Amino acid sequence: MVARAASFLLLADSRASFEIEGEKPARGRLERWGRAVLQAGKNPLTLDEIVRLHTVLIEDTRFTRAGLRPDGVFLGERDHEGDPLPEFIGARPQDLQAIDAGNYCR
């Protein structure tokens, strides 16, 4: 019963998170998100584990490649000259290599 309650709360929390972002994901996407969240933290955090969790989320990699992005990423807008006005700047892929070396997440 506790597992069912936790699963229900996770699904409700995930729906709320997607709503905050203005997204309306399909139920299958919400379920994949829940599976990934439940699995996260059970294994040491390595690049292989990040890719494994990513494939849980994506499931169908025909159109989206799992793994680290080859380029940098930011979330935000661009100004009138096309320059970025970031709200979030993601880690550079080359910086994440330190995870496998055990320098960040143990």
Protein backbone atom coordinates (compact mmCIF):
# COMPACT_ATOMS: atom_id res chain seq x y z
CA MET A 1 0.00 0.00 0.00
CA VAL A 2 2.89 2.36 0.80
CA ALA A 3 4.44 1.70 -2.63
CA ARG A 4 1.12 2.50 -4.35
CA ALA A 5 0.74 5.71 -2.35
CA ALA A 6 4.31 6.75 -3.16
CA SER A 7 3.72 6.00 -6.84
CA PHE A 8 0.51 8.07 -6.83
CA LEU A 9 2.27 11.01 -5.14
CA LEU A 10 5.16 10.82 -7.59
CA LEU A 11 2.76 10.88 -10.54
CA ALA A 12 0.86 13.84 -9.05
CA ASP A 13 4.12 15.69 -8.35
CA SER A 14 5.37 15.01 -11.87
CA ARG A 15 2.13 16.32 -13.38
CA ALA A 16 2.44 19.48 -11.29
CA SER A 17 6.06 19.97 -12.39
CA PHE A 18 5.11 19.64 -16.05
CA GLU A 19 2.21 22.09 -15.52
CA ILE A 20 4.60 24.65 -14.02
CA GLU A 21 6.65 24.38 -17.22
CA GLY A 22 3.50 24.76 -19.32
CA GLU A 23 3.75 21.21 -20.71
CA LYS A 24 1.04 18.59 -21.01
CA PRO A 25 2.91 15.30 -21.44
CA ALA A 26 1.25 12.07 -22.49
CA ARG A 27 0.64 9.54 -19.72
CA GLY A 28 3.42 7.30 -21.08
CA ARG A 29 5.91 10.13 -20.72
CA LEU A 30 4.80 10.73 -17.13
CA GLU A 31 5.17 7.02 -16.38
CA ARG A 32 8.69 6.94 -17.87
CA TRP A 33 9.57 10.00 -15.77
CA GLY A 34 8.29 8.22 -12.67
CA ARG A 35 10.33 5.09 -13.47
CA ALA A 36 13.48 7.16 -13.92
CA VAL A 37 12.93 9.05 -10.66
CA LEU A 38 12.33 5.81 -8.75
CA GLN A 39 15.54 4.31 -10.19
CA ALA A 40 17.68 7.41 -9.63
CA GLY A 41 20.09 7.11 -6.74
CA LYS A 42 20.12 3.31 -6.65
CA ASN A 43 23.42 3.14 -8.55
CA PRO A 44 26.54 5.33 -8.27
CA LEU A 45 26.27 8.41 -10.47
CA THR A 46 28.48 7.86 -13.50
CA LEU A 47 28.12 8.95 -17.10
CA ASP A 48 26.91 5.44 -17.95
CA GLU A 49 24.22 5.72 -15.26
CA ILE A 50 23.14 9.15 -16.54
CA VAL A 51 22.82 7.71 -20.05
CA ARG A 52 20.91 4.69 -18.71
CA LEU A 53 18.41 6.93 -16.90
CA HIS A 54 18.17 9.08 -20.02
CA THR A 55 17.20 6.03 -22.08
CA VAL A 56 14.50 5.21 -19.49
CA LEU A 57 13.07 8.68 -20.13
CA ILE A 58 13.40 8.66 -23.89
CA GLU A 59 12.59 4.98 -24.48
CA ASP A 60 12.47 5.42 -28.28
CA THR A 61 15.87 6.67 -29.46
CA ARG A 62 15.01 6.72 -33.17
CA PHE A 63 14.53 10.49 -33.11
CA THR A 64 16.38 11.59 -29.98
CA ARG A 65 19.90 10.52 -29.09
CA ALA A 66 20.46 9.46 -25.50
CA GLY A 67 23.51 10.76 -23.69
CA LEU A 68 25.36 14.01 -23.31
CA ARG A 69 24.78 16.82 -25.74
CA PRO A 70 27.76 17.48 -27.99
CA ASP A 71 27.24 21.25 -27.63
CA GLY A 72 26.56 23.62 -24.76
CA VAL A 73 23.01 24.45 -23.81
CA PHE A 74 21.18 27.34 -22.18
CA LEU A 75 17.58 28.06 -21.33
CA GLY A 76 16.37 31.57 -21.86
CA GLU A 77 15.71 34.15 -24.52
CA ARG A 78 17.78 36.02 -27.06
CA ASP A 79 18.06 39.79 -27.32
CA HIS A 80 17.28 41.82 -30.46
CA GLU A 81 20.81 41.13 -31.77
CA GLY A 82 20.49 37.38 -31.27
CA ASP A 83 22.77 37.22 -28.24
CA PRO A 84 21.67 34.82 -25.48
CA LEU A 85 19.99 36.04 -22.30
CA PRO A 86 20.29 32.82 -20.31
CA GLU A 87 18.27 31.89 -17.25
CA PHE A 88 20.16 28.59 -16.95
CA ILE A 89 23.46 27.44 -18.45
CA GLY A 90 24.02 23.68 -18.58
CA ALA A 91 27.29 21.99 -17.82
CA ARG A 92 29.63 21.57 -20.75
CA PRO A 93 29.94 17.91 -21.83
CA GLN A 94 33.72 17.96 -21.31
CA ASP A 95 33.22 19.07 -17.69
CA LEU A 96 31.03 16.06 -16.98
CA GLN A 97 33.88 13.65 -17.71
CA ALA A 98 34.98 14.32 -14.12
CA ILE A 99 31.92 12.38 -12.89
CA ASP A 100 33.41 9.16 -14.18
CA ALA A 101 36.69 10.05 -12.55
CA GLY A 102 34.85 10.25 -9.21
CA ASN A 103 35.53 13.95 -8.67
CA TYR A 104 31.93 15.07 -8.13
CA CYS A 105 29.36 12.49 -7.08
CA ARG A 106 30.48 9.72 -4.76
